[in-house]
Amino acid sequence: MEEVRYTISDAAKMVEVESHVLRYWEDELALDIPRNEMGHRYYTQHEIEIFCQIKALKDRGFQLKAIKDVLQIMFADEIDSNIISLDNVRQSYEEKEEERVPEENPVTELAEVKTAAEPAVVKTTATEKMSHFKYIMDGIVAQALHENNLRLEDAITQRVTDSILNEMEVMEQERDRKDEARFRKLDEAIRGRQRGYQEAAATKLPPYTPTKMNKRRFGWFRH
C-alpha cells in the first residue's frame, strides 16, 4: 500500500498549529523530516502522530528541551527493537534445542541450526512505535504531575498562610478602628458631661447683692 504524503500546510491543519510552528519544532527538536525529489518537505502519518504527541506535551507545559530528550530515547529504543542480534537468535534457538529430543539424523539438525542462526530482522509497526512512545510519555507525565502536585501543595500552603496573615491584619486594623471610634465617643461623652456640669454650675450662682460696706461707700449717691 502506497504511503500517503502530506504537505506542511496539510500537516499543520491536522496537528492544529501554524506551519511555522512545525518548522520551528523541526529545527529545535532536530527532527528528520523526509523530502521529495524537489527538496520539499512531506509528512506521513508517522510524522503527524509525533507532532500530535509534541503538541500534547506542549499543552501540558513541557519545554522543548525535555521533549527532545524523550524523542532521542524513543528513537534509540526503536533502533534497538527493530533489529534482533544474531547472539539473541542463537541463544533462543539453543534453549529450545535443549528441550527437544535428539533427532536420528544429526546432519539435518546441523543444517536446521545453521539456517535458524542466520541474522533475523524484526520490523515494528507504526502503531507499536507510537504505543511505545505513549508509554514513555505517560511515565514522564506521571512524574511531572507528581512534581507539580508537590509544588502545588507548597504553593497552596503558602497562599493559605498569606491569606490567614492578611485576614488577621485586616481584623487587627478593624479592631483598632473600632477601639479608636469607641475612645473618641467616650472622650466626647466625658467632655460633654463636663460642659454640662459647667453650664449647670453657672446657672445656679446666686444673684449679686451689695454689702453694708458697699452701701456706706456708695451712700453719697443717695439724697
N, C-alpha and C. Protein backbone atom coordinates (compact mmCIF):
# COMPACT_ATOMS: atom_id res chain seq x y z
N MET A 1 0.85 -1.20 0.00
CA MET A 1 0.00 0.00 0.00
C MET A 1 0.88 1.25 0.00
N GLU A 2 0.63 2.15 -0.92
CA GLU A 2 1.44 3.36 -1.05
C GLU A 2 1.14 4.30 0.12
N GLU A 3 2.22 4.80 0.74
CA GLU A 3 2.02 5.69 1.88
C GLU A 3 1.53 7.05 1.40
N VAL A 4 0.69 7.67 2.21
CA VAL A 4 0.12 8.97 1.88
C VAL A 4 1.09 10.06 2.33
N ARG A 5 1.36 11.00 1.45
CA ARG A 5 2.24 12.11 1.78
C ARG A 5 1.41 13.39 1.91
N TYR A 6 1.73 14.17 2.92
CA TYR A 6 1.02 15.42 3.17
C TYR A 6 2.00 16.59 3.08
N THR A 7 1.48 17.72 2.62
CA THR A 7 2.29 18.94 2.61
C THR A 7 2.35 19.52 4.02
N ILE A 8 3.21 20.51 4.19
CA ILE A 8 3.36 21.10 5.52
C ILE A 8 2.08 21.82 5.95
N SER A 9 1.37 22.41 4.99
CA SER A 9 0.12 23.09 5.34
C SER A 9 -0.94 22.08 5.77
N ASP A 10 -1.00 20.94 5.06
CA ASP A 10 -1.96 19.89 5.45
C ASP A 10 -1.61 19.32 6.82
N ALA A 11 -0.32 19.08 7.04
CA ALA A 11 0.10 18.54 8.34
C ALA A 11 -0.20 19.52 9.46
N ALA A 12 0.02 20.81 9.20
CA ALA A 12 -0.26 21.82 10.23
C ALA A 12 -1.74 21.83 10.60
N LYS A 13 -2.61 21.68 9.60
CA LYS A 13 -4.04 21.64 9.88
C LYS A 13 -4.41 20.41 10.71
N MET A 14 -3.78 19.27 10.40
CA MET A 14 -4.08 18.05 11.13
C MET A 14 -3.59 18.11 12.58
N VAL A 15 -2.46 18.79 12.79
CA VAL A 15 -1.92 18.94 14.15
C VAL A 15 -2.58 20.12 14.87
N GLU A 16 -3.25 20.99 14.09
CA GLU A 16 -3.93 22.18 14.63
C GLU A 16 -2.94 23.21 15.15
N VAL A 17 -1.90 23.46 14.34
CA VAL A 17 -0.95 24.53 14.62
C VAL A 17 -0.64 25.23 13.31
N GLU A 18 0.13 26.31 13.38
CA GLU A 18 0.55 27.01 12.19
C GLU A 18 1.74 26.30 11.55
N SER A 19 1.94 26.54 10.26
CA SER A 19 3.04 25.88 9.54
C SER A 19 4.39 26.25 10.12
N HIS A 20 4.55 27.53 10.51
CA HIS A 20 5.84 27.95 11.04
C HIS A 20 6.15 27.28 12.37
N VAL A 21 5.10 26.84 13.09
CA VAL A 21 5.32 26.13 14.35
C VAL A 21 5.95 24.77 14.08
N LEU A 22 5.45 24.08 13.04
CA LEU A 22 6.04 22.79 12.68
C LEU A 22 7.51 22.95 12.30
N ARG A 23 7.81 23.98 11.51
CA ARG A 23 9.20 24.19 11.11
C ARG A 23 10.07 24.50 12.33
N TYR A 24 9.52 25.27 13.27
CA TYR A 24 10.27 25.60 14.48
C TYR A 24 10.54 24.35 15.31
N TRP A 25 9.54 23.49 15.45
CA TRP A 25 9.73 22.24 16.18
C TRP A 25 10.76 21.36 15.50
N GLU A 26 10.71 21.31 14.16
CA GLU A 26 11.68 20.50 13.42
C GLU A 26 13.11 20.95 13.72
N ASP A 27 13.33 22.26 13.72
CA ASP A 27 14.68 22.78 13.97
C ASP A 27 15.11 22.56 15.41
N GLU A 28 14.23 22.89 16.36
CA GLU A 28 14.60 22.80 17.77
C GLU A 28 14.75 21.35 18.24
N LEU A 29 13.95 20.45 17.69
CA LEU A 29 13.98 19.05 18.12
C LEU A 29 14.84 18.18 17.21
N ALA A 30 15.42 18.80 16.17
CA ALA A 30 16.29 18.07 15.23
C ALA A 30 15.57 16.87 14.63
N LEU A 31 14.34 17.09 14.18
CA LEU A 31 13.55 16.01 13.59
C LEU A 31 14.00 15.76 12.15
N ASP A 32 14.04 14.50 11.79
CA ASP A 32 14.43 14.11 10.43
C ASP A 32 13.17 14.00 9.58
N ILE A 33 12.84 15.07 8.89
CA ILE A 33 11.63 15.12 8.07
C ILE A 33 11.99 14.74 6.64
N PRO A 34 11.29 13.79 6.05
CA PRO A 34 11.62 13.39 4.67
C PRO A 34 11.31 14.50 3.67
N ARG A 35 12.01 14.44 2.53
CA ARG A 35 11.81 15.42 1.46
C ARG A 35 11.64 14.66 0.14
N ASN A 36 10.92 15.30 -0.76
CA ASN A 36 10.69 14.69 -2.06
C ASN A 36 11.84 15.00 -3.02
N GLU A 37 11.65 14.63 -4.29
CA GLU A 37 12.70 14.83 -5.27
C GLU A 37 13.04 16.30 -5.48
N MET A 38 12.08 17.18 -5.22
CA MET A 38 12.29 18.62 -5.38
C MET A 38 12.90 19.26 -4.14
N GLY A 39 13.09 18.47 -3.10
CA GLY A 39 13.65 19.02 -1.87
C GLY A 39 12.62 19.61 -0.93
N HIS A 40 11.34 19.40 -1.23
CA HIS A 40 10.28 19.93 -0.39
C HIS A 40 9.92 18.93 0.72
N ARG A 41 9.57 19.48 1.87
CA ARG A 41 9.16 18.62 2.98
C ARG A 41 7.85 17.90 2.64
N TYR A 42 7.76 16.67 3.12
CA TYR A 42 6.46 15.99 3.11
C TYR A 42 6.35 15.18 4.40
N TYR A 43 5.13 14.90 4.77
CA TYR A 43 4.86 14.29 6.07
C TYR A 43 3.97 13.06 5.87
N THR A 44 4.32 12.01 6.58
CA THR A 44 3.49 10.81 6.59
C THR A 44 2.71 10.77 7.90
N GLN A 45 1.90 9.73 8.03
CA GLN A 45 1.12 9.60 9.26
C GLN A 45 2.03 9.47 10.48
N HIS A 46 3.20 8.89 10.28
CA HIS A 46 4.14 8.71 11.40
C HIS A 46 4.60 10.07 11.94
N GLU A 47 5.02 10.98 11.04
CA GLU A 47 5.46 12.30 11.48
C GLU A 47 4.32 13.09 12.12
N ILE A 48 3.13 12.95 11.56
CA ILE A 48 1.99 13.69 12.10
C ILE A 48 1.65 13.21 13.51
N GLU A 49 1.74 11.90 13.74
CA GLU A 49 1.48 11.38 15.09
C GLU A 49 2.52 11.89 16.08
N ILE A 50 3.78 11.98 15.64
CA ILE A 50 4.82 12.52 16.53
C ILE A 50 4.52 13.98 16.85
N PHE A 51 4.13 14.76 15.84
CA PHE A 51 3.80 16.16 16.08
C PHE A 51 2.61 16.30 17.02
N CYS A 52 1.64 15.41 16.90
CA CYS A 52 0.49 15.46 17.81
C CYS A 52 0.92 15.20 19.25
N GLN A 53 1.85 14.24 19.43
CA GLN A 53 2.36 13.98 20.77
C GLN A 53 3.14 15.18 21.30
N ILE A 54 3.93 15.82 20.44
CA ILE A 54 4.68 17.01 20.85
C ILE A 54 3.72 18.11 21.28
N LYS A 55 2.67 18.32 20.50
CA LYS A 55 1.70 19.36 20.83
C LYS A 55 1.01 19.05 22.16
N ALA A 56 0.68 17.77 22.39
CA ALA A 56 0.03 17.39 23.65
C ALA A 56 0.94 17.69 24.84
N LEU A 57 2.23 17.42 24.68
CA LEU A 57 3.17 17.72 25.76
C LEU A 57 3.34 19.21 25.96
N LYS A 58 3.37 19.95 24.86
CA LYS A 58 3.47 21.41 24.96
C LYS A 58 2.26 21.98 25.68
N ASP A 59 1.08 21.45 25.38
CA ASP A 59 -0.14 21.93 26.03
C ASP A 59 -0.12 21.63 27.53
N ARG A 60 0.62 20.60 27.92
CA ARG A 60 0.72 20.26 29.34
C ARG A 60 1.84 21.02 30.05
N GLY A 61 2.54 21.87 29.31
CA GLY A 61 3.54 22.72 29.94
C GLY A 61 4.97 22.24 29.81
N PHE A 62 5.22 21.19 29.00
CA PHE A 62 6.58 20.71 28.84
C PHE A 62 7.38 21.63 27.93
N GLN A 63 8.67 21.79 28.25
CA GLN A 63 9.57 22.57 27.42
C GLN A 63 10.12 21.70 26.30
N LEU A 64 10.56 22.36 25.22
CA LEU A 64 11.07 21.61 24.07
C LEU A 64 12.32 20.82 24.43
N LYS A 65 13.11 21.31 25.37
CA LYS A 65 14.32 20.59 25.76
C LYS A 65 13.97 19.22 26.33
N ALA A 66 12.96 19.17 27.19
CA ALA A 66 12.53 17.89 27.77
C ALA A 66 11.94 16.98 26.71
N ILE A 67 11.16 17.57 25.79
CA ILE A 67 10.56 16.77 24.72
C ILE A 67 11.64 16.19 23.82
N LYS A 68 12.69 16.97 23.57
CA LYS A 68 13.79 16.49 22.73
C LYS A 68 14.47 15.29 23.36
N ASP A 69 14.68 15.32 24.66
CA ASP A 69 15.29 14.17 25.35
C ASP A 69 14.42 12.93 25.21
N VAL A 70 13.12 13.11 25.31
CA VAL A 70 12.20 11.98 25.19
C VAL A 70 12.26 11.39 23.78
N LEU A 71 12.29 12.26 22.78
CA LEU A 71 12.35 11.78 21.39
C LEU A 71 13.63 11.01 21.13
N GLN A 72 14.74 11.48 21.68
CA GLN A 72 16.00 10.77 21.50
C GLN A 72 15.94 9.38 22.11
N ILE A 73 15.32 9.28 23.29
CA ILE A 73 15.16 7.97 23.92
C ILE A 73 14.28 7.07 23.07
N MET A 74 13.21 7.63 22.54
CA MET A 74 12.28 6.85 21.74
C MET A 74 12.95 6.33 20.48
N PHE A 75 13.68 7.21 19.77
CA PHE A 75 14.33 6.80 18.54
C PHE A 75 15.42 5.76 18.81
N ALA A 76 16.13 5.90 19.93
CA ALA A 76 17.15 4.91 20.28
C ALA A 76 16.51 3.56 20.56
N ASP A 77 15.37 3.58 21.24
CA ASP A 77 14.66 2.33 21.53
C ASP A 77 14.13 1.69 20.26
N GLU A 78 13.75 2.53 19.28
CA GLU A 78 13.26 2.00 18.01
C GLU A 78 14.35 1.20 17.32
N ILE A 79 15.57 1.73 17.31
CA ILE A 79 16.68 1.04 16.65
C ILE A 79 16.95 -0.28 17.34
N ASP A 80 16.94 -0.26 18.68
CA ASP A 80 17.20 -1.49 19.42
C ASP A 80 16.10 -2.52 19.22
N SER A 81 14.86 -2.07 19.08
CA SER A 81 13.75 -3.01 18.96
C SER A 81 13.53 -3.49 17.54
N ASN A 82 14.06 -2.77 16.54
CA ASN A 82 13.86 -3.15 15.14
C ASN A 82 14.77 -4.29 14.71
N ILE A 83 15.94 -4.45 15.35
CA ILE A 83 16.92 -5.44 14.93
C ILE A 83 17.23 -6.37 16.10
N ILE A 84 17.06 -7.65 15.90
CA ILE A 84 17.42 -8.65 16.90
C ILE A 84 18.78 -9.22 16.52
N SER A 85 19.72 -9.18 17.43
CA SER A 85 21.08 -9.59 17.11
C SER A 85 21.16 -11.10 16.89
N LEU A 86 22.25 -11.52 16.22
CA LEU A 86 22.47 -12.94 15.96
C LEU A 86 22.65 -13.72 17.25
N ASP A 87 23.31 -13.11 18.24
CA ASP A 87 23.52 -13.78 19.52
C ASP A 87 22.20 -14.10 20.20
N ASN A 88 21.25 -13.16 20.12
CA ASN A 88 19.94 -13.42 20.73
C ASN A 88 19.21 -14.56 20.04
N VAL A 89 19.31 -14.59 18.69
CA VAL A 89 18.65 -15.67 17.95
C VAL A 89 19.27 -17.02 18.29
N ARG A 90 20.63 -17.07 18.33
CA ARG A 90 21.31 -18.32 18.64
C ARG A 90 20.97 -18.79 20.05
N GLN A 91 20.95 -17.86 21.00
CA GLN A 91 20.65 -18.23 22.38
C GLN A 91 19.23 -18.78 22.50
N SER A 92 18.30 -18.11 21.82
CA SER A 92 16.91 -18.57 21.87
C SER A 92 16.77 -19.95 21.26
N TYR A 93 17.48 -20.17 20.14
CA TYR A 93 17.37 -21.48 19.47
C TYR A 93 17.99 -22.57 20.32
N GLU A 94 19.15 -22.29 20.95
CA GLU A 94 19.81 -23.30 21.76
C GLU A 94 18.95 -23.69 22.96
N GLU A 95 18.25 -22.71 23.54
CA GLU A 95 17.38 -23.03 24.66
C GLU A 95 16.25 -23.96 24.24
N LYS A 96 15.72 -23.71 23.03
CA LYS A 96 14.66 -24.58 22.54
C LYS A 96 15.19 -25.98 22.23
N GLU A 97 16.43 -26.06 21.70
CA GLU A 97 17.00 -27.35 21.34
C GLU A 97 17.25 -28.21 22.57
N GLU A 98 17.56 -27.59 23.70
CA GLU A 98 17.80 -28.36 24.91
C GLU A 98 16.54 -29.06 25.38
N GLU A 99 15.39 -28.49 25.05
CA GLU A 99 14.13 -29.08 25.48
C GLU A 99 13.64 -30.17 24.52
N ARG A 100 14.23 -30.22 23.32
CA ARG A 100 13.77 -31.20 22.32
C ARG A 100 14.50 -32.53 22.49
N VAL A 101 13.87 -33.61 22.02
CA VAL A 101 14.51 -34.94 22.00
C VAL A 101 15.43 -35.01 20.81
N PRO A 102 16.67 -35.50 20.94
CA PRO A 102 17.61 -35.56 19.80
C PRO A 102 17.03 -36.32 18.63
N GLU A 103 17.22 -35.80 17.44
CA GLU A 103 16.74 -36.44 16.22
C GLU A 103 17.73 -37.55 15.82
N GLU A 104 17.27 -38.44 14.92
CA GLU A 104 18.11 -39.53 14.46
C GLU A 104 19.17 -39.06 13.48
N ASN A 105 18.89 -37.97 12.76
CA ASN A 105 19.81 -37.52 11.73
C ASN A 105 20.52 -36.26 12.19
N PRO A 106 21.77 -36.33 12.67
CA PRO A 106 22.47 -35.15 13.16
C PRO A 106 22.79 -34.16 12.07
N VAL A 107 22.92 -34.63 10.81
CA VAL A 107 23.23 -33.72 9.70
C VAL A 107 22.07 -32.77 9.49
N THR A 108 20.85 -33.29 9.56
CA THR A 108 19.67 -32.45 9.41
C THR A 108 19.59 -31.43 10.52
N GLU A 109 19.94 -31.88 11.74
CA GLU A 109 19.94 -30.96 12.88
C GLU A 109 20.89 -29.81 12.65
N LEU A 110 22.10 -30.13 12.19
CA LEU A 110 23.11 -29.10 11.97
C LEU A 110 22.66 -28.11 10.92
N ALA A 111 22.00 -28.61 9.88
CA ALA A 111 21.51 -27.72 8.82
C ALA A 111 20.43 -26.81 9.36
N GLU A 112 19.56 -27.36 10.21
CA GLU A 112 18.50 -26.54 10.78
C GLU A 112 19.06 -25.47 11.69
N VAL A 113 20.09 -25.84 12.48
CA VAL A 113 20.70 -24.86 13.36
C VAL A 113 21.34 -23.75 12.55
N LYS A 114 22.03 -24.12 11.48
CA LYS A 114 22.69 -23.13 10.64
C LYS A 114 21.68 -22.19 10.01
N THR A 115 20.56 -22.76 9.55
CA THR A 115 19.52 -21.94 8.92
C THR A 115 18.89 -21.00 9.93
N ALA A 116 18.62 -21.51 11.10
CA ALA A 116 17.96 -20.69 12.12
C ALA A 116 18.87 -19.63 12.68
N ALA A 117 20.19 -19.84 12.57
CA ALA A 117 21.13 -18.89 13.15
C ALA A 117 21.42 -17.71 12.25
N GLU A 118 20.81 -17.66 11.07
CA GLU A 118 21.01 -16.53 10.17
C GLU A 118 20.47 -15.26 10.81
N PRO A 119 21.08 -14.11 10.51
CA PRO A 119 20.60 -12.84 11.08
C PRO A 119 19.13 -12.63 10.77
N ALA A 120 18.40 -12.23 11.75
CA ALA A 120 16.96 -12.00 11.60
C ALA A 120 16.65 -10.56 11.92
N VAL A 121 15.81 -9.96 11.16
CA VAL A 121 15.39 -8.57 11.36
C VAL A 121 13.90 -8.55 11.60
N VAL A 122 13.49 -7.95 12.68
CA VAL A 122 12.08 -7.87 13.03
C VAL A 122 11.65 -6.41 12.96
N LYS A 123 10.71 -6.12 12.15
CA LYS A 123 10.22 -4.75 11.97
C LYS A 123 9.04 -4.49 12.90
N THR A 124 9.03 -3.32 13.47
CA THR A 124 7.89 -2.92 14.30
C THR A 124 7.00 -2.00 13.49
N THR A 125 5.71 -2.09 13.73
CA THR A 125 4.76 -1.26 13.01
C THR A 125 4.72 0.14 13.59
N ALA A 126 4.10 1.06 12.83
CA ALA A 126 3.96 2.44 13.32
C ALA A 126 3.11 2.49 14.58
N THR A 127 2.11 1.61 14.65
CA THR A 127 1.26 1.58 15.84
C THR A 127 2.05 1.17 17.08
N GLU A 128 2.94 0.17 16.90
CA GLU A 128 3.77 -0.26 18.02
C GLU A 128 4.73 0.83 18.45
N LYS A 129 5.28 1.56 17.48
CA LYS A 129 6.18 2.66 17.80
C LYS A 129 5.45 3.74 18.60
N MET A 130 4.26 4.09 18.16
CA MET A 130 3.51 5.13 18.85
C MET A 130 3.05 4.64 20.23
N SER A 131 2.77 3.34 20.35
CA SER A 131 2.40 2.81 21.67
C SER A 131 3.59 2.91 22.62
N HIS A 132 4.77 2.61 22.09
CA HIS A 132 5.98 2.73 22.92
C HIS A 132 6.23 4.19 23.29
N PHE A 133 6.02 5.06 22.31
CA PHE A 133 6.18 6.50 22.57
C PHE A 133 5.20 6.96 23.64
N LYS A 134 3.96 6.50 23.54
CA LYS A 134 2.94 6.88 24.52
C LYS A 134 3.31 6.34 25.91
N TYR A 135 3.90 5.14 25.95
CA TYR A 135 4.32 4.57 27.23
C TYR A 135 5.37 5.46 27.90
N ILE A 136 6.33 5.92 27.10
CA ILE A 136 7.36 6.82 27.64
C ILE A 136 6.73 8.12 28.10
N MET A 137 5.83 8.65 27.27
CA MET A 137 5.18 9.92 27.61
C MET A 137 4.38 9.82 28.90
N ASP A 138 3.66 8.71 29.04
CA ASP A 138 2.85 8.55 30.25
C ASP A 138 3.72 8.53 31.51
N GLY A 139 4.89 7.88 31.40
CA GLY A 139 5.80 7.86 32.54
C GLY A 139 6.30 9.24 32.89
N ILE A 140 6.67 10.00 31.86
CA ILE A 140 7.17 11.36 32.10
C ILE A 140 6.06 12.26 32.63
N VAL A 141 4.87 12.12 32.05
CA VAL A 141 3.74 12.94 32.51
C VAL A 141 3.41 12.62 33.96
N ALA A 142 3.43 11.32 34.31
CA ALA A 142 3.13 10.95 35.70
C ALA A 142 4.15 11.55 36.66
N GLN A 143 5.44 11.50 36.27
CA GLN A 143 6.47 12.09 37.12
C GLN A 143 6.29 13.59 37.23
N ALA A 144 5.97 14.22 36.09
CA ALA A 144 5.78 15.67 36.10
C ALA A 144 4.57 16.06 36.95
N LEU A 145 3.50 15.27 36.85
CA LEU A 145 2.32 15.56 37.66
C LEU A 145 2.63 15.42 39.15
N HIS A 146 3.44 14.39 39.49
CA HIS A 146 3.82 14.22 40.89
C HIS A 146 4.61 15.42 41.39
N GLU A 147 5.58 15.87 40.57
CA GLU A 147 6.37 17.04 40.97
C GLU A 147 5.51 18.28 41.02
N ASN A 148 4.60 18.41 40.05
CA ASN A 148 3.71 19.57 40.04
C ASN A 148 2.79 19.56 41.26
N ASN A 149 2.34 18.36 41.66
CA ASN A 149 1.47 18.28 42.84
C ASN A 149 2.21 18.72 44.09
N LEU A 150 3.50 18.33 44.20
CA LEU A 150 4.29 18.76 45.35
C LEU A 150 4.44 20.27 45.36
N ARG A 151 4.76 20.82 44.18
CA ARG A 151 4.89 22.28 44.10
C ARG A 151 3.55 22.95 44.36
N LEU A 152 2.47 22.31 43.89
CA LEU A 152 1.14 22.89 44.10
C LEU A 152 0.77 22.89 45.57
N GLU A 153 1.13 21.81 46.28
CA GLU A 153 0.86 21.76 47.72
C GLU A 153 1.60 22.87 48.45
N ASP A 154 2.87 23.06 48.08
CA ASP A 154 3.64 24.14 48.71
C ASP A 154 3.03 25.50 48.40
N ALA A 155 2.62 25.66 47.14
CA ALA A 155 2.03 26.95 46.75
C ALA A 155 0.72 27.20 47.49
N ILE A 156 -0.10 26.14 47.62
CA ILE A 156 -1.38 26.29 48.32
C ILE A 156 -1.14 26.61 49.79
N THR A 157 -0.17 25.91 50.40
CA THR A 157 0.14 26.17 51.81
C THR A 157 0.59 27.61 52.00
N GLN A 158 1.47 28.07 51.11
CA GLN A 158 1.94 29.45 51.21
C GLN A 158 0.80 30.43 51.00
N ARG A 159 -0.08 30.11 50.03
CA ARG A 159 -1.20 31.01 49.75
C ARG A 159 -2.16 31.07 50.93
N VAL A 160 -2.43 29.91 51.53
CA VAL A 160 -3.33 29.89 52.70
C VAL A 160 -2.71 30.66 53.85
N THR A 161 -1.40 30.47 54.05
CA THR A 161 -0.72 31.20 55.13
C THR A 161 -0.80 32.70 54.89
N ASP A 162 -0.52 33.12 53.66
CA ASP A 162 -0.60 34.55 53.34
C ASP A 162 -2.01 35.07 53.54
N SER A 163 -3.01 34.25 53.13
CA SER A 163 -4.40 34.68 53.28
C SER A 163 -4.77 34.85 54.75
N ILE A 164 -4.32 33.90 55.58
CA ILE A 164 -4.62 34.00 57.01
C ILE A 164 -3.95 35.22 57.62
N LEU A 165 -2.69 35.45 57.25
CA LEU A 165 -1.98 36.62 57.78
C LEU A 165 -2.65 37.91 57.35
N ASN A 166 -3.07 37.96 56.08
CA ASN A 166 -3.75 39.16 55.59
C ASN A 166 -5.08 39.37 56.32
N GLU A 167 -5.80 38.27 56.53
CA GLU A 167 -7.09 38.38 57.23
C GLU A 167 -6.89 38.84 58.67
N MET A 168 -5.84 38.31 59.32
CA MET A 168 -5.55 38.73 60.69
C MET A 168 -5.16 40.20 60.74
N GLU A 169 -4.42 40.64 59.72
CA GLU A 169 -4.03 42.05 59.68
C GLU A 169 -5.25 42.95 59.49
N VAL A 170 -6.17 42.51 58.60
CA VAL A 170 -7.40 43.28 58.39
C VAL A 170 -8.23 43.33 59.66
N MET A 171 -8.32 42.19 60.36
CA MET A 171 -9.09 42.15 61.60
C MET A 171 -8.45 43.05 62.66
N GLU A 172 -7.12 43.06 62.70
CA GLU A 172 -6.42 43.92 63.66
C GLU A 172 -6.68 45.39 63.36
N GLN A 173 -6.62 45.73 62.06
CA GLN A 173 -6.89 47.12 61.68
C GLN A 173 -8.33 47.50 62.00
N GLU A 174 -9.26 46.58 61.75
CA GLU A 174 -10.66 46.85 62.04
C GLU A 174 -10.88 47.03 63.55
N ARG A 175 -10.21 46.21 64.33
CA ARG A 175 -10.32 46.34 65.78
C ARG A 175 -9.74 47.67 66.26
N ASP A 176 -8.61 48.07 65.66
CA ASP A 176 -8.02 49.36 66.03
C ASP A 176 -8.97 50.51 65.69
N ARG A 177 -9.61 50.40 64.51
CA ARG A 177 -10.56 51.46 64.13
C ARG A 177 -11.74 51.51 65.11
N LYS A 178 -12.24 50.33 65.48
CA LYS A 178 -13.36 50.30 66.43
C LYS A 178 -12.94 50.84 67.79
N ASP A 179 -11.74 50.47 68.24
CA ASP A 179 -11.26 50.99 69.52
C ASP A 179 -11.10 52.50 69.47
N GLU A 180 -10.56 52.98 68.36
CA GLU A 180 -10.38 54.43 68.21
C GLU A 180 -11.72 55.15 68.21
N ALA A 181 -12.70 54.59 67.51
CA ALA A 181 -14.04 55.20 67.49
C ALA A 181 -14.68 55.16 68.87
N ARG A 182 -14.50 54.04 69.58
CA ARG A 182 -15.07 53.94 70.92
C ARG A 182 -14.42 54.93 71.88
N PHE A 183 -13.09 55.08 71.80
CA PHE A 183 -12.40 56.05 72.65
C PHE A 183 -12.81 57.47 72.31
N ARG A 184 -13.02 57.72 71.01
CA ARG A 184 -13.43 59.06 70.60
C ARG A 184 -14.81 59.38 71.17
N LYS A 185 -15.73 58.42 71.08
CA LYS A 185 -17.06 58.64 71.63
C LYS A 185 -17.00 58.82 73.15
N LEU A 186 -16.15 58.02 73.80
CA LEU A 186 -16.02 58.15 75.25
C LEU A 186 -15.47 59.51 75.63
N ASP A 187 -14.48 59.99 74.87
CA ASP A 187 -13.90 61.31 75.14
C ASP A 187 -14.94 62.40 74.93
N GLU A 188 -15.72 62.28 73.84
CA GLU A 188 -16.77 63.26 73.59
C GLU A 188 -17.82 63.24 74.70
N ALA A 189 -18.14 62.05 75.19
CA ALA A 189 -19.13 61.96 76.27
C ALA A 189 -18.61 62.61 77.55
N ILE A 190 -17.32 62.38 77.85
CA ILE A 190 -16.73 62.99 79.05
C ILE A 190 -16.71 64.51 78.92
N ARG A 191 -16.26 64.98 77.75
CA ARG A 191 -16.22 66.43 77.53
C ARG A 191 -17.62 67.03 77.58
N GLY A 192 -18.60 66.33 77.01
CA GLY A 192 -19.97 66.83 77.04
C GLY A 192 -20.51 66.90 78.46
N ARG A 193 -20.18 65.89 79.26
CA ARG A 193 -20.64 65.91 80.64
C ARG A 193 -19.97 67.04 81.42
N GLN A 194 -18.69 67.27 81.14
CA GLN A 194 -18.00 68.37 81.82
C GLN A 194 -18.63 69.71 81.45
N ARG A 195 -18.95 69.88 80.18
CA ARG A 195 -19.61 71.13 79.76
C ARG A 195 -20.96 71.27 80.44
N GLY A 196 -21.66 70.15 80.56
CA GLY A 196 -22.96 70.19 81.23
C GLY A 196 -22.83 70.61 82.68
N TYR A 197 -21.81 70.07 83.38
CA TYR A 197 -21.58 70.47 84.76
C TYR A 197 -21.27 71.97 84.85
N GLN A 198 -20.43 72.45 83.93
CA GLN A 198 -20.07 73.86 83.95
C GLN A 198 -21.28 74.76 83.70
N GLU A 199 -22.10 74.38 82.74
CA GLU A 199 -23.30 75.19 82.46
C GLU A 199 -24.28 75.15 83.64
N ALA A 200 -24.43 73.95 84.23
CA ALA A 200 -25.35 73.84 85.38
C ALA A 200 -24.84 74.65 86.55
N ALA A 201 -23.55 74.64 86.76
CA ALA A 201 -22.98 75.42 87.87
C ALA A 201 -23.15 76.91 87.63
N ALA A 202 -23.03 77.33 86.37
CA ALA A 202 -23.18 78.75 86.05
C ALA A 202 -24.61 79.22 86.29
N THR A 203 -25.58 78.41 86.01
CA THR A 203 -26.98 78.80 86.21
C THR A 203 -27.38 78.83 87.68
N LYS A 204 -26.66 78.16 88.56
CA LYS A 204 -27.00 78.11 89.99
C LYS A 204 -26.28 79.16 90.82
N LEU A 205 -25.49 80.07 90.26
CA LEU A 205 -24.80 81.11 91.03
C LEU A 205 -25.84 82.09 91.60
N PRO A 206 -25.70 82.53 92.90
CA PRO A 206 -26.68 83.48 93.49
C PRO A 206 -26.56 84.86 92.84
N PRO A 207 -27.66 85.65 92.83
CA PRO A 207 -27.60 87.00 92.23
C PRO A 207 -26.72 87.92 93.06
N TYR A 208 -26.15 88.91 92.44
CA TYR A 208 -25.23 89.84 93.11
C TYR A 208 -26.03 90.82 93.99
N THR A 209 -25.64 90.98 95.29
CA THR A 209 -26.27 91.94 96.23
C THR A 209 -25.17 92.72 96.91
N PRO A 210 -25.29 94.07 96.99
CA PRO A 210 -24.22 94.87 97.63
C PRO A 210 -24.22 94.67 99.12
N THR A 211 -23.05 94.68 99.72
CA THR A 211 -22.88 94.53 101.16
C THR A 211 -23.07 95.88 101.85
N LYS A 212 -23.06 95.89 103.26
CA LYS A 212 -23.22 97.14 104.01
C LYS A 212 -22.10 98.10 103.73
N MET A 213 -20.89 97.56 103.62
CA MET A 213 -19.75 98.43 103.32
C MET A 213 -19.95 99.13 102.00
N ASN A 214 -20.48 98.39 101.09
CA ASN A 214 -20.71 98.98 99.78
C ASN A 214 -21.79 100.05 99.87
N LYS A 215 -22.78 99.80 100.75
CA LYS A 215 -23.84 100.81 100.89
C LYS A 215 -23.27 102.09 101.47
N ARG A 216 -22.40 102.02 102.52
CA ARG A 216 -21.81 103.22 103.11
C ARG A 216 -20.91 103.90 102.10
N ARG A 217 -20.15 103.05 101.39
CA ARG A 217 -19.20 103.64 100.45
C ARG A 217 -19.91 104.39 99.36
N PHE A 218 -21.01 103.84 98.95
CA PHE A 218 -21.70 104.48 97.83
C PHE A 218 -22.97 105.20 98.30
N GLY A 219 -23.05 105.48 99.66
CA GLY A 219 -24.25 106.16 100.17
C GLY A 219 -24.37 107.58 99.69
N TRP A 220 -23.26 108.23 99.33
CA TRP A 220 -23.30 109.62 98.90
C TRP A 220 -24.11 109.78 97.64
N PHE A 221 -24.41 108.61 96.96
CA PHE A 221 -25.25 108.74 95.78
C PHE A 221 -26.69 109.03 96.16
N ARG A 222 -27.04 108.78 97.45
CA ARG A 222 -28.43 108.97 97.86
C ARG A 222 -28.60 110.41 98.40
N HIS A 223 -29.71 110.96 98.23
CA HIS A 223 -30.02 112.32 98.71
C HIS A 223 -31.16 112.23 99.67
